[in-house]
PDB file of all heavy atoms in Angstrom:
ATOM      1  N   GLU A   1       5.478  19.548   2.771  1.00  0.00           N
ATOM      2  CA  GLU A   1       6.198  20.295   1.735  1.00  0.00           C
ATOM      3  C   GLU A   1       6.445  19.425   0.499  1.00  0.00           C
ATOM      4  O   GLU A   1       6.278  19.877  -0.641  1.00  0.00           O
ATOM      5  CB  GLU A   1       7.527  20.824   2.295  1.00  0.00           C
ATOM      6  CG  GLU A   1       7.375  21.794   3.445  1.00  0.00           C
ATOM      7  CD  GLU A   1       6.731  23.104   3.033  1.00  0.00           C
ATOM      8  OE1 GLU A   1       6.736  23.414   1.826  1.00  0.00           O
ATOM      9  OE2 GLU A   1       6.218  23.817   3.927  1.00  0.00           O
ATOM     10  N   GLU A   2       6.859  18.190   0.722  1.00  0.00           N
ATOM     11  CA  GLU A   2       7.164  17.310  -0.410  1.00  0.00           C
ATOM     12  C   GLU A   2       5.898  16.909  -1.168  1.00  0.00           C
ATOM     13  O   GLU A   2       5.874  16.911  -2.404  1.00  0.00           O
ATOM     14  CB  GLU A   2       7.914  16.068   0.073  1.00  0.00           C
ATOM     15  CG  GLU A   2       8.301  15.093  -1.032  1.00  0.00           C
ATOM     16  CD  GLU A   2       9.265  15.686  -2.059  1.00  0.00           C
ATOM     17  OE1 GLU A   2       9.765  16.811  -1.843  1.00  0.00           O
ATOM     18  OE2 GLU A   2       9.516  15.017  -3.081  1.00  0.00           O
ATOM     19  N   TYR A   3       4.858  16.583  -0.427  1.00  0.00           N
ATOM     20  CA  TYR A   3       3.606  16.228  -1.102  1.00  0.00           C
ATOM     21  C   TYR A   3       3.052  17.420  -1.877  1.00  0.00           C
ATOM     22  O   TYR A   3       2.524  17.262  -2.996  1.00  0.00           O
ATOM     23  CB  TYR A   3       2.566  15.727  -0.097  1.00  0.00           C
ATOM     24  CG  TYR A   3       2.761  14.282   0.288  1.00  0.00           C
ATOM     25  CD1 TYR A   3       3.150  13.926   1.580  1.00  0.00           C
ATOM     26  CD2 TYR A   3       2.551  13.252  -0.631  1.00  0.00           C
ATOM     27  CE1 TYR A   3       3.328  12.590   1.944  1.00  0.00           C
ATOM     28  CE2 TYR A   3       2.728  11.921  -0.280  1.00  0.00           C
ATOM     29  CZ  TYR A   3       3.108  11.600   1.006  1.00  0.00           C
ATOM     30  OH  TYR A   3       3.283  10.276   1.353  1.00  0.00           O
ATOM     31  N   ALA A   4       3.161  18.603  -1.323  1.00  0.00           N
ATOM     32  CA  ALA A   4       2.677  19.799  -2.015  1.00  0.00           C
ATOM     33  C   ALA A   4       3.495  20.057  -3.282  1.00  0.00           C
ATOM     34  O   ALA A   4       2.947  20.430  -4.326  1.00  0.00           O
ATOM     35  CB  ALA A   4       2.730  21.004  -1.082  1.00  0.00           C
ATOM     36  N   ARG A   5       4.797  19.859  -3.196  1.00  0.00           N
ATOM     37  CA  ARG A   5       5.658  20.060  -4.373  1.00  0.00           C
ATOM     38  C   ARG A   5       5.258  19.102  -5.498  1.00  0.00           C
ATOM     39  O   ARG A   5       5.126  19.509  -6.661  1.00  0.00           O
ATOM     40  CB  ARG A   5       7.119  19.836  -3.982  1.00  0.00           C
ATOM     41  CG  ARG A   5       8.107  20.085  -5.118  1.00  0.00           C
ATOM     42  CD  ARG A   5       9.520  19.756  -4.703  1.00  0.00           C
ATOM     43  NE  ARG A   5       9.723  18.315  -4.593  1.00  0.00           N
ATOM     44  CZ  ARG A   5       9.985  17.513  -5.640  1.00  0.00           C
ATOM     45  NH1 ARG A   5      10.077  18.006  -6.866  1.00  0.00           N
ATOM     46  NH2 ARG A   5      10.163  16.218  -5.440  1.00  0.00           N
ATOM     47  N   LEU A   6       5.063  17.835  -5.154  1.00  0.00           N
ATOM     48  CA  LEU A   6       4.692  16.843  -6.162  1.00  0.00           C
ATOM     49  C   LEU A   6       3.289  17.097  -6.712  1.00  0.00           C
ATOM     50  O   LEU A   6       3.022  16.848  -7.887  1.00  0.00           O
ATOM     51  CB  LEU A   6       4.785  15.442  -5.556  1.00  0.00           C
ATOM     52  CG  LEU A   6       6.192  14.985  -5.169  1.00  0.00           C
ATOM     53  CD1 LEU A   6       6.131  13.633  -4.451  1.00  0.00           C
ATOM     54  CD2 LEU A   6       7.088  14.893  -6.398  1.00  0.00           C
ATOM     55  N   ALA A   7       2.405  17.593  -5.852  1.00  0.00           N
ATOM     56  CA  ALA A   7       1.048  17.908  -6.309  1.00  0.00           C
ATOM     57  C   ALA A   7       1.073  19.030  -7.335  1.00  0.00           C
ATOM     58  O   ALA A   7       0.336  18.976  -8.336  1.00  0.00           O
ATOM     59  CB  ALA A   7       0.175  18.293  -5.117  1.00  0.00           C
ATOM     60  N   ARG A   8       1.896  20.038  -7.120  1.00  0.00           N
ATOM     61  CA  ARG A   8       1.993  21.145  -8.070  1.00  0.00           C
ATOM     62  C   ARG A   8       2.545  20.672  -9.408  1.00  0.00           C
ATOM     63  O   ARG A   8       2.215  21.235 -10.462  1.00  0.00           O
ATOM     64  CB  ARG A   8       2.855  22.268  -7.487  1.00  0.00           C
ATOM     65  CG  ARG A   8       2.164  23.033  -6.354  1.00  0.00           C
ATOM     66  CD  ARG A   8       2.945  24.282  -5.978  1.00  0.00           C
ATOM     67  NE  ARG A   8       4.224  23.963  -5.351  1.00  0.00           N
ATOM     68  CZ  ARG A   8       4.410  23.808  -4.053  1.00  0.00           C
ATOM     69  NH1 ARG A   8       3.380  23.938  -3.216  1.00  0.00           N
ATOM     70  NH2 ARG A   8       5.601  23.541  -3.559  1.00  0.00           N
ATOM     71  N   LEU A   9       3.363  19.621  -9.373  1.00  0.00           N
ATOM     72  CA  LEU A   9       3.893  19.035 -10.612  1.00  0.00           C
ATOM     73  C   LEU A   9       2.915  18.031 -11.221  1.00  0.00           C
ATOM     74  O   LEU A   9       3.155  17.535 -12.334  1.00  0.00           O
ATOM     75  CB  LEU A   9       5.224  18.326 -10.321  1.00  0.00           C
ATOM     76  CG  LEU A   9       6.393  19.210  -9.871  1.00  0.00           C
ATOM     77  CD1 LEU A   9       7.574  18.340  -9.458  1.00  0.00           C
ATOM     78  CD2 LEU A   9       6.797  20.170 -10.985  1.00  0.00           C
ATOM     79  N   ASN A  10       1.849  17.724 -10.491  1.00  0.00           N
ATOM     80  CA  ASN A  10       0.889  16.691 -10.889  1.00  0.00           C
ATOM     81  C   ASN A  10       1.598  15.367 -11.172  1.00  0.00           C
ATOM     82  O   ASN A  10       1.254  14.635 -12.106  1.00  0.00           O
ATOM     83  CB  ASN A  10       0.082  17.129 -12.124  1.00  0.00           C
ATOM     84  CG  ASN A  10      -1.174  16.285 -12.319  1.00  0.00           C
ATOM     85  OD1 ASN A  10      -1.795  15.845 -11.359  1.00  0.00           O
ATOM     86  ND2 ASN A  10      -1.529  16.052 -13.573  1.00  0.00           N
ATOM     87  N   ASP A  11       2.592  15.059 -10.350  1.00  0.00           N
ATOM     88  CA  ASP A  11       3.398  13.849 -10.534  1.00  0.00           C
ATOM     89  C   ASP A  11       2.771  12.712  -9.730  1.00  0.00           C
ATOM     90  O   ASP A  11       3.176  12.403  -8.610  1.00  0.00           O
ATOM     91  CB  ASP A  11       4.835  14.100 -10.075  1.00  0.00           C
ATOM     92  CG  ASP A  11       5.796  13.016 -10.545  1.00  0.00           C
ATOM     93  OD1 ASP A  11       5.327  11.891 -10.817  1.00  0.00           O
ATOM     94  OD2 ASP A  11       7.009  13.293 -10.622  1.00  0.00           O
ATOM     95  N   ARG A  12       1.770  12.072 -10.325  1.00  0.00           N
ATOM     96  CA  ARG A  12       1.028  11.020  -9.639  1.00  0.00           C
ATOM     97  C   ARG A  12       1.928   9.829  -9.306  1.00  0.00           C
ATOM     98  O   ARG A  12       1.797   9.212  -8.247  1.00  0.00           O
ATOM     99  CB  ARG A  12      -0.156  10.566 -10.495  1.00  0.00           C
ATOM    100  CG  ARG A  12      -1.177  11.646 -10.771  1.00  0.00           C
ATOM    101  CD  ARG A  12      -2.332  11.112 -11.613  1.00  0.00           C
ATOM    102  NE  ARG A  12      -3.064  10.082 -10.902  1.00  0.00           N
ATOM    103  CZ  ARG A  12      -4.088  10.320 -10.084  1.00  0.00           C
ATOM    104  NH1 ARG A  12      -4.494  11.561  -9.880  1.00  0.00           N
ATOM    105  NH2 ARG A  12      -4.716   9.327  -9.488  1.00  0.00           N
ATOM    106  N   GLU A  13       2.828   9.503 -10.207  1.00  0.00           N
ATOM    107  CA  GLU A  13       3.711   8.360  -9.981  1.00  0.00           C
ATOM    108  C   GLU A  13       4.610   8.591  -8.776  1.00  0.00           C
ATOM    109  O   GLU A  13       4.801   7.689  -7.945  1.00  0.00           O
ATOM    110  CB  GLU A  13       4.551   8.096 -11.230  1.00  0.00           C
ATOM    111  CG  GLU A  13       5.426   6.866 -11.120  1.00  0.00           C
ATOM    112  CD  GLU A  13       6.174   6.553 -12.415  1.00  0.00           C
ATOM    113  OE1 GLU A  13       5.809   7.117 -13.472  1.00  0.00           O
ATOM    114  OE2 GLU A  13       7.132   5.757 -12.358  1.00  0.00           O
ATOM    115  N   ALA A  14       5.162   9.792  -8.670  1.00  0.00           N
ATOM    116  CA  ALA A  14       6.050  10.099  -7.539  1.00  0.00           C
ATOM    117  C   ALA A  14       5.265  10.144  -6.227  1.00  0.00           C
ATOM    118  O   ALA A  14       5.763   9.709  -5.179  1.00  0.00           O
ATOM    119  CB  ALA A  14       6.764  11.423  -7.775  1.00  0.00           C
ATOM    120  N   ILE A  15       4.047  10.664  -6.265  1.00  0.00           N
ATOM    121  CA  ILE A  15       3.208  10.685  -5.057  1.00  0.00           C
ATOM    122  C   ILE A  15       2.898   9.261  -4.613  1.00  0.00           C
ATOM    123  O   ILE A  15       2.977   8.923  -3.430  1.00  0.00           O
ATOM    124  CB  ILE A  15       1.907  11.470  -5.312  1.00  0.00           C
ATOM    125  CG1 ILE A  15       2.210  12.949  -5.541  1.00  0.00           C
ATOM    126  CG2 ILE A  15       0.937  11.304  -4.140  1.00  0.00           C
ATOM    127  CD1 ILE A  15       1.007  13.769  -5.975  1.00  0.00           C
ATOM    128  N   ASN A  16       2.555   8.420  -5.576  1.00  0.00           N
ATOM    129  CA  ASN A  16       2.267   7.025  -5.277  1.00  0.00           C
ATOM    130  C   ASN A  16       3.486   6.339  -4.653  1.00  0.00           C
ATOM    131  O   ASN A  16       3.366   5.578  -3.687  1.00  0.00           O
ATOM    132  CB  ASN A  16       1.839   6.295  -6.543  1.00  0.00           C
ATOM    133  CG  ASN A  16       1.487   4.841  -6.285  1.00  0.00           C
ATOM    134  OD1 ASN A  16       0.502   4.542  -5.613  1.00  0.00           O
ATOM    135  ND2 ASN A  16       2.290   3.931  -6.818  1.00  0.00           N
ATOM    136  N   GLU A  17       4.639   6.622  -5.191  1.00  0.00           N
ATOM    137  CA  GLU A  17       5.870   6.023  -4.674  1.00  0.00           C
ATOM    138  C   GLU A  17       6.152   6.513  -3.251  1.00  0.00           C
ATOM    139  O   GLU A  17       6.577   5.741  -2.382  1.00  0.00           O
ATOM    140  CB  GLU A  17       7.042   6.368  -5.583  1.00  0.00           C
ATOM    141  CG  GLU A  17       8.361   5.698  -5.213  1.00  0.00           C
ATOM    142  CD  GLU A  17       8.318   4.183  -5.345  1.00  0.00           C
ATOM    143  OE1 GLU A  17       7.512   3.661  -6.141  1.00  0.00           O
ATOM    144  OE2 GLU A  17       9.092   3.521  -4.635  1.00  0.00           O
ATOM    145  N   LEU A  18       5.910   7.788  -2.998  1.00  0.00           N
ATOM    146  CA  LEU A  18       6.196   8.366  -1.693  1.00  0.00           C
ATOM    147  C   LEU A  18       5.285   7.804  -0.609  1.00  0.00           C
ATOM    148  O   LEU A  18       5.718   7.571   0.524  1.00  0.00           O
ATOM    149  CB  LEU A  18       6.043   9.892  -1.754  1.00  0.00           C
ATOM    150  CG  LEU A  18       6.371  10.689  -0.487  1.00  0.00           C
ATOM    151  CD1 LEU A  18       7.819  10.443  -0.047  1.00  0.00           C
ATOM    152  CD2 LEU A  18       6.128  12.181  -0.721  1.00  0.00           C
ATOM    153  N   LEU A  19       4.045   7.553  -0.953  1.00  0.00           N
ATOM    154  CA  LEU A  19       3.107   7.085   0.071  1.00  0.00           C
ATOM    155  C   LEU A  19       3.112   5.570   0.252  1.00  0.00           C
ATOM    156  O   LEU A  19       2.580   5.048   1.225  1.00  0.00           O
ATOM    157  CB  LEU A  19       1.683   7.574  -0.236  1.00  0.00           C
ATOM    158  CG  LEU A  19       0.946   7.048  -1.470  1.00  0.00           C
ATOM    159  CD1 LEU A  19       0.252   5.720  -1.227  1.00  0.00           C
ATOM    160  CD2 LEU A  19      -0.103   8.075  -1.921  1.00  0.00           C
ATOM    161  N   THR A  20       3.720   4.844  -0.699  1.00  0.00           N
ATOM    162  CA  THR A  20       3.692   3.384  -0.648  1.00  0.00           C
ATOM    163  C   THR A  20       4.670   2.839   0.383  1.00  0.00           C
ATOM    164  O   THR A  20       5.837   3.239   0.433  1.00  0.00           O
ATOM    165  CB  THR A  20       4.030   2.796  -2.036  1.00  0.00           C
ATOM    166  OG1 THR A  20       3.023   3.191  -2.965  1.00  0.00           O
ATOM    167  CG2 THR A  20       4.089   1.273  -1.973  1.00  0.00           C
ATOM    168  N   ASN A  21       4.171   1.922   1.183  1.00  0.00           N
ATOM    169  CA  ASN A  21       5.007   1.196   2.138  1.00  0.00           C
ATOM    170  C   ASN A  21       4.939  -0.282   1.754  1.00  0.00           C
ATOM    171  O   ASN A  21       3.994  -0.979   2.104  1.00  0.00           O
ATOM    172  CB  ASN A  21       4.517   1.414   3.571  1.00  0.00           C
ATOM    173  CG  ASN A  21       5.446   0.818   4.611  1.00  0.00           C
ATOM    174  OD1 ASN A  21       6.061  -0.216   4.377  1.00  0.00           O
ATOM    175  ND2 ASN A  21       5.541   1.467   5.764  1.00  0.00           N
ATOM    176  N   ARG A  22       5.927  -0.770   1.017  1.00  0.00           N
ATOM    177  CA  ARG A  22       5.874  -2.135   0.486  1.00  0.00           C
ATOM    178  C   ARG A  22       5.956  -3.203   1.571  1.00  0.00           C
ATOM    179  O   ARG A  22       5.435  -4.305   1.406  1.00  0.00           O
ATOM    180  CB  ARG A  22       6.966  -2.326  -0.560  1.00  0.00           C
ATOM    181  CG  ARG A  22       6.677  -1.544  -1.840  1.00  0.00           C
ATOM    182  CD  ARG A  22       7.733  -1.751  -2.923  1.00  0.00           C
ATOM    183  NE  ARG A  22       7.323  -1.105  -4.153  1.00  0.00           N
ATOM    184  CZ  ARG A  22       7.415   0.206  -4.380  1.00  0.00           C
ATOM    185  NH1 ARG A  22       7.932   0.992  -3.442  1.00  0.00           N
ATOM    186  NH2 ARG A  22       6.997   0.734  -5.516  1.00  0.00           N
ATOM    187  N   VAL A  23       6.610  -2.877   2.664  1.00  0.00           N
ATOM    188  CA  VAL A  23       6.680  -3.829   3.781  1.00  0.00           C
ATOM    189  C   VAL A  23       5.285  -4.052   4.352  1.00  0.00           C
ATOM    190  O   VAL A  23       4.870  -5.188   4.606  1.00  0.00           O
ATOM    191  CB  VAL A  23       7.644  -3.331   4.868  1.00  0.00           C
ATOM    192  CG1 VAL A  23       7.588  -4.245   6.095  1.00  0.00           C
ATOM    193  CG2 VAL A  23       9.072  -3.265   4.320  1.00  0.00           C
ATOM    194  N   VAL A  24       4.552  -2.963   4.528  1.00  0.00           N
ATOM    195  CA  VAL A  24       3.190  -3.057   5.046  1.00  0.00           C
ATOM    196  C   VAL A  24       2.293  -3.823   4.071  1.00  0.00           C
ATOM    197  O   VAL A  24       1.479  -4.665   4.473  1.00  0.00           O
ATOM    198  CB  VAL A  24       2.612  -1.652   5.322  1.00  0.00           C
ATOM    199  CG1 VAL A  24       1.112  -1.732   5.629  1.00  0.00           C
ATOM    200  CG2 VAL A  24       3.345  -0.989   6.480  1.00  0.00           C
ATOM    201  N   GLU A  25       2.451  -3.550   2.779  1.00  0.00           N
ATOM    202  CA  GLU A  25       1.639  -4.240   1.770  1.00  0.00           C
ATOM    203  C   GLU A  25       1.927  -5.739   1.756  1.00  0.00           C
ATOM    204  O   GLU A  25       1.008  -6.558   1.625  1.00  0.00           O
ATOM    205  CB  GLU A  25       1.888  -3.642   0.390  1.00  0.00           C
ATOM    206  CG  GLU A  25       1.282  -2.264   0.207  1.00  0.00           C
ATOM    207  CD  GLU A  25       1.444  -1.748  -1.218  1.00  0.00           C
ATOM    208  OE1 GLU A  25       1.906  -2.517  -2.097  1.00  0.00           O
ATOM    209  OE2 GLU A  25       1.111  -0.570  -1.448  1.00  0.00           O
ATOM    210  N   LYS A  26       3.186  -6.097   1.893  1.00  0.00           N
ATOM    211  CA  LYS A  26       3.553  -7.512   1.914  1.00  0.00           C
ATOM    212  C   LYS A  26       2.937  -8.210   3.121  1.00  0.00           C
ATOM    213  O   LYS A  26       2.404  -9.331   3.015  1.00  0.00           O
ATOM    214  CB  LYS A  26       5.072  -7.663   1.932  1.00  0.00           C
ATOM    215  CG  LYS A  26       5.563  -9.097   1.828  1.00  0.00           C
ATOM    216  CD  LYS A  26       7.088  -9.153   1.763  1.00  0.00           C
ATOM    217  CE  LYS A  26       7.575 -10.600   1.654  1.00  0.00           C
ATOM    218  NZ  LYS A  26       9.069 -10.668   1.584  1.00  0.00           N
ATOM    219  N   LYS A  27       2.974  -7.550   4.276  1.00  0.00           N
ATOM    220  CA  LYS A  27       2.374  -8.117   5.480  1.00  0.00           C
ATOM    221  C   LYS A  27       0.856  -8.232   5.322  1.00  0.00           C
ATOM    222  O   LYS A  27       0.244  -9.201   5.769  1.00  0.00           O
ATOM    223  CB  LYS A  27       2.698  -7.244   6.696  1.00  0.00           C
ATOM    224  CG  LYS A  27       4.151  -7.313   7.136  1.00  0.00           C
ATOM    225  CD  LYS A  27       4.386  -6.429   8.366  1.00  0.00           C
ATOM    226  CE  LYS A  27       5.831  -6.516   8.834  1.00  0.00           C
ATOM    227  NZ  LYS A  27       6.077  -5.625  10.009  1.00  0.00           N
ATOM    228  N   LEU A  28       0.263  -7.237   4.666  1.00  0.00           N
ATOM    229  CA  LEU A  28      -1.186  -7.255   4.447  1.00  0.00           C
ATOM    230  C   LEU A  28      -1.603  -8.471   3.637  1.00  0.00           C
ATOM    231  O   LEU A  28      -2.545  -9.191   3.999  1.00  0.00           O
ATOM    232  CB  LEU A  28      -1.600  -5.966   3.724  1.00  0.00           C
ATOM    233  CG  LEU A  28      -3.069  -5.720   3.414  1.00  0.00           C
ATOM    234  CD1 LEU A  28      -3.330  -4.223   3.243  1.00  0.00           C
ATOM    235  CD2 LEU A  28      -3.528  -6.435   2.141  1.00  0.00           C
ATOM    236  N   LEU A  29      -0.901  -8.743   2.542  1.00  0.00           N
ATOM    237  CA  LEU A  29      -1.256  -9.875   1.682  1.00  0.00           C
ATOM    238  C   LEU A  29      -1.040 -11.205   2.388  1.00  0.00           C
ATOM    239  O   LEU A  29      -1.838 -12.138   2.229  1.00  0.00           O
ATOM    240  CB  LEU A  29      -0.450  -9.808   0.381  1.00  0.00           C
ATOM    241  CG  LEU A  29      -0.749  -8.603  -0.523  1.00  0.00           C
ATOM    242  CD1 LEU A  29       0.190  -8.574  -1.723  1.00  0.00           C
ATOM    243  CD2 LEU A  29      -2.197  -8.619  -0.993  1.00  0.00           C
ATOM    244  N   ALA A  30       0.011 -11.291   3.194  1.00  0.00           N
ATOM    245  CA  ALA A  30       0.247 -12.520   3.952  1.00  0.00           C
ATOM    246  C   ALA A  30      -0.848 -12.723   5.002  1.00  0.00           C
ATOM    247  O   ALA A  30      -1.331 -13.842   5.212  1.00  0.00           O
ATOM    248  CB  ALA A  30       1.617 -12.458   4.625  1.00  0.00           C
ATOM    249  N   ARG A  31      -1.249 -11.642   5.636  1.00  0.00           N
ATOM    250  CA  ARG A  31      -2.314 -11.722   6.633  1.00  0.00           C
ATOM    251  C   ARG A  31      -3.644 -12.123   5.989  1.00  0.00           C
ATOM    252  O   ARG A  31      -4.407 -12.931   6.531  1.00  0.00           O
ATOM    253  CB  ARG A  31      -2.451 -10.367   7.334  1.00  0.00           C
ATOM    254  CG  ARG A  31      -3.434 -10.339   8.484  1.00  0.00           C
ATOM    255  CD  ARG A  31      -3.366  -9.024   9.231  1.00  0.00           C
ATOM    256  NE  ARG A  31      -3.716  -7.887   8.396  1.00  0.00           N
ATOM    257  CZ  ARG A  31      -2.848  -6.917   8.059  1.00  0.00           C
ATOM    258  NH1 ARG A  31      -1.606  -6.932   8.487  1.00  0.00           N
ATOM    259  NH2 ARG A  31      -3.232  -5.922   7.288  1.00  0.00           N
ATOM    260  N   LEU A  32      -3.921 -11.573   4.824  1.00  0.00           N
ATOM    261  CA  LEU A  32      -5.138 -11.923   4.101  1.00  0.00           C
ATOM    262  C   LEU A  32      -5.165 -13.400   3.730  1.00  0.00           C
ATOM    263  O   LEU A  32      -6.206 -14.056   3.832  1.00  0.00           O
ATOM    264  CB  LEU A  32      -5.258 -11.079   2.823  1.00  0.00           C
ATOM    265  CG  LEU A  32      -5.800  -9.667   2.963  1.00  0.00           C
ATOM    266  CD1 LEU A  32      -5.615  -8.922   1.657  1.00  0.00           C
ATOM    267  CD2 LEU A  32      -7.267  -9.681   3.366  1.00  0.00           C
ATOM    268  N   ARG A  33      -4.033 -13.905   3.291  1.00  0.00           N
ATOM    269  CA  ARG A  33      -3.961 -15.321   2.927  1.00  0.00           C
ATOM    270  C   ARG A  33      -4.305 -16.203   4.128  1.00  0.00           C
ATOM    271  O   ARG A  33      -5.069 -17.165   4.008  1.00  0.00           O
ATOM    272  CB  ARG A  33      -2.557 -15.658   2.401  1.00  0.00           C
ATOM    273  CG  ARG A  33      -2.388 -17.108   1.960  1.00  0.00           C
ATOM    274  CD  ARG A  33      -0.994 -17.332   1.410  1.00  0.00           C
ATOM    275  NE  ARG A  33      -0.767 -16.528   0.222  1.00  0.00           N
ATOM    276  CZ  ARG A  33      -1.149 -16.876  -1.002  1.00  0.00           C
ATOM    277  NH1 ARG A  33      -1.795 -18.026  -1.182  1.00  0.00           N
ATOM    278  NH2 ARG A  33      -0.908 -16.101  -2.035  1.00  0.00           N
ATOM    279  N   HIS A  34      -3.761 -15.850   5.275  1.00  0.00           N
ATOM    280  CA  HIS A  34      -4.020 -16.637   6.486  1.00  0.00           C
ATOM    281  C   HIS A  34      -5.486 -16.523   6.904  1.00  0.00           C
ATOM    282  O   HIS A  34      -6.136 -17.524   7.247  1.00  0.00           O
ATOM    283  CB  HIS A  34      -3.115 -16.162   7.617  1.00  0.00           C
ATOM    284  CG  HIS A  34      -3.285 -16.915   8.892  1.00  0.00           C
ATOM    285  ND1 HIS A  34      -2.915 -18.233   9.038  1.00  0.00           N
ATOM    286  CD2 HIS A  34      -3.825 -16.535  10.094  1.00  0.00           C
ATOM    287  CE1 HIS A  34      -3.201 -18.639  10.259  1.00  0.00           C
ATOM    288  NE2 HIS A  34      -3.759 -17.628  10.920  1.00  0.00           N
ATOM    289  N   LYS A  35      -6.012 -15.303   6.876  1.00  0.00           N
ATOM    290  CA  LYS A  35      -7.412 -15.101   7.259  1.00  0.00           C
ATOM    291  C   LYS A  35      -8.362 -15.851   6.330  1.00  0.00           C
ATOM    292  O   LYS A  35      -9.328 -16.476   6.781  1.00  0.00           O
ATOM    293  CB  LYS A  35      -7.753 -13.610   7.248  1.00  0.00           C
ATOM    294  CG  LYS A  35      -7.191 -12.818   8.402  1.00  0.00           C
ATOM    295  CD  LYS A  35      -7.644 -11.371   8.317  1.00  0.00           C
ATOM    296  CE  LYS A  35      -7.176 -10.561   9.516  1.00  0.00           C
ATOM    297  NZ  LYS A  35      -7.652  -9.159   9.463  1.00  0.00           N
ATOM    298  N   ALA A  36      -8.106 -15.762   5.025  1.00  0.00           N
ATOM    299  CA  ALA A  36      -8.988 -16.430   4.067  1.00  0.00           C
ATOM    300  C   ALA A  36      -8.976 -17.934   4.267  1.00  0.00           C
ATOM    301  O   ALA A  36     -10.001 -18.607   4.110  1.00  0.00           O
ATOM    302  CB  ALA A  36      -8.570 -16.076   2.637  1.00  0.00           C
ATOM    303  N   LEU A  37      -7.809 -18.477   4.627  1.00  0.00           N
ATOM    304  CA  LEU A  37      -7.705 -19.911   4.903  1.00  0.00           C
ATOM    305  C   LEU A  37      -8.491 -20.295   6.145  1.00  0.00           C
ATOM    306  O   LEU A  37      -9.262 -21.259   6.146  1.00  0.00           O
ATOM    307  CB  LEU A  37      -6.232 -20.295   5.070  1.00  0.00           C
ATOM    308  CG  LEU A  37      -5.944 -21.753   5.441  1.00  0.00           C
ATOM    309  CD1 LEU A  37      -6.449 -22.689   4.352  1.00  0.00           C
ATOM    310  CD2 LEU A  37      -4.462 -21.965   5.682  1.00  0.00           C
ATOM    311  N   VAL A  38      -8.324 -19.505   7.206  1.00  0.00           N
ATOM    312  CA  VAL A  38      -9.002 -19.820   8.471  1.00  0.00           C
ATOM    313  C   VAL A  38     -10.501 -19.587   8.365  1.00  0.00           C
ATOM    314  O   VAL A  38     -11.312 -20.446   8.730  1.00  0.00           O
ATOM    315  CB  VAL A  38      -8.415 -18.977   9.623  1.00  0.00           C
ATOM    316  CG1 VAL A  38      -9.222 -19.170  10.901  1.00  0.00           C
ATOM    317  CG2 VAL A  38      -6.957 -19.350   9.858  1.00  0.00           C
ATOM    318  N   TYR A  39     -10.906 -18.434   7.838  1.00  0.00           N
ATOM    319  CA  TYR A  39     -12.329 -18.103   7.777  1.00  0.00           C
ATOM    320  C   TYR A  39     -13.063 -18.963   6.749  1.00  0.00           C
ATOM    321  O   TYR A  39     -14.271 -19.162   6.865  1.00  0.00           O
ATOM    322  CB  TYR A  39     -12.530 -16.631   7.410  1.00  0.00           C
ATOM    323  CG  TYR A  39     -11.938 -15.645   8.389  1.00  0.00           C
ATOM    324  CD1 TYR A  39     -11.728 -14.323   8.033  1.00  0.00           C
ATOM    325  CD2 TYR A  39     -11.578 -16.033   9.675  1.00  0.00           C
ATOM    326  CE1 TYR A  39     -11.193 -13.399   8.919  1.00  0.00           C
ATOM    327  CE2 TYR A  39     -11.021 -15.134  10.570  1.00  0.00           C
ATOM    328  CZ  TYR A  39     -10.831 -13.819  10.179  1.00  0.00           C
ATOM    329  OH  TYR A  39     -10.278 -12.915  11.056  1.00  0.00           O
ATOM    330  N   GLY A  40     -12.332 -19.462   5.769  1.00  0.00           N
ATOM    331  CA  GLY A  40     -12.967 -20.241   4.712  1.00  0.00           C
ATOM    332  C   GLY A  40     -13.217 -21.686   5.077  1.00  0.00           C
ATOM    333  O   GLY A  40     -13.873 -22.425   4.334  1.00  0.00           O
ATOM    334  N   GLN A  41     -12.708 -22.129   6.232  1.00  0.00           N
ATOM    335  CA  GLN A  41     -12.900 -23.506   6.664  1.00  0.00           C
ATOM    336  C   GLN A  41     -14.188 -23.655   7.464  1.00  0.00           C
ATOM    337  O   GLN A  41     -14.708 -22.683   8.004  1.00  0.00           O
ATOM    338  CB  GLN A  41     -11.730 -23.946   7.562  1.00  0.00           C
ATOM    339  CG  GLN A  41     -10.393 -23.976   6.859  1.00  0.00           C
ATOM    340  CD  GLN A  41      -9.314 -24.447   7.803  1.00  0.00           C
ATOM    341  OE1 GLN A  41      -8.955 -25.617   7.814  1.00  0.00           O
ATOM    342  NE2 GLN A  41      -8.806 -23.542   8.621  1.00  0.00           N
ATOM    343  N   THR A  42     -14.655 -24.869   7.554  1.00  0.00           N
ATOM    344  CA  THR A  42     -15.732 -25.155   8.482  1.00  0.00           C
ATOM    345  C   THR A  42     -15.118 -25.380   9.854  1.00  0.00           C
ATOM    346  O   THR A  42     -13.974 -25.813   9.983  1.00  0.00           O
ATOM    347  CB  THR A  42     -16.518 -26.405   8.053  1.00  0.00           C
ATOM    348  OG1 THR A  42     -15.618 -27.509   7.913  1.00  0.00           O
ATOM    349  CG2 THR A  42     -17.218 -26.161   6.734  1.00  0.00           C
TER     350      THR A  42
END
């Protein structure tokens, strides 16, 4: 219902905010840093 309401308003910013999980994104970047360090070594 909420996504449909925002879609009808074409409110891209609000949709982006609703779907964003900053905790997950923070963990993703930390995980990438570790992987790049490990995989980049001999």
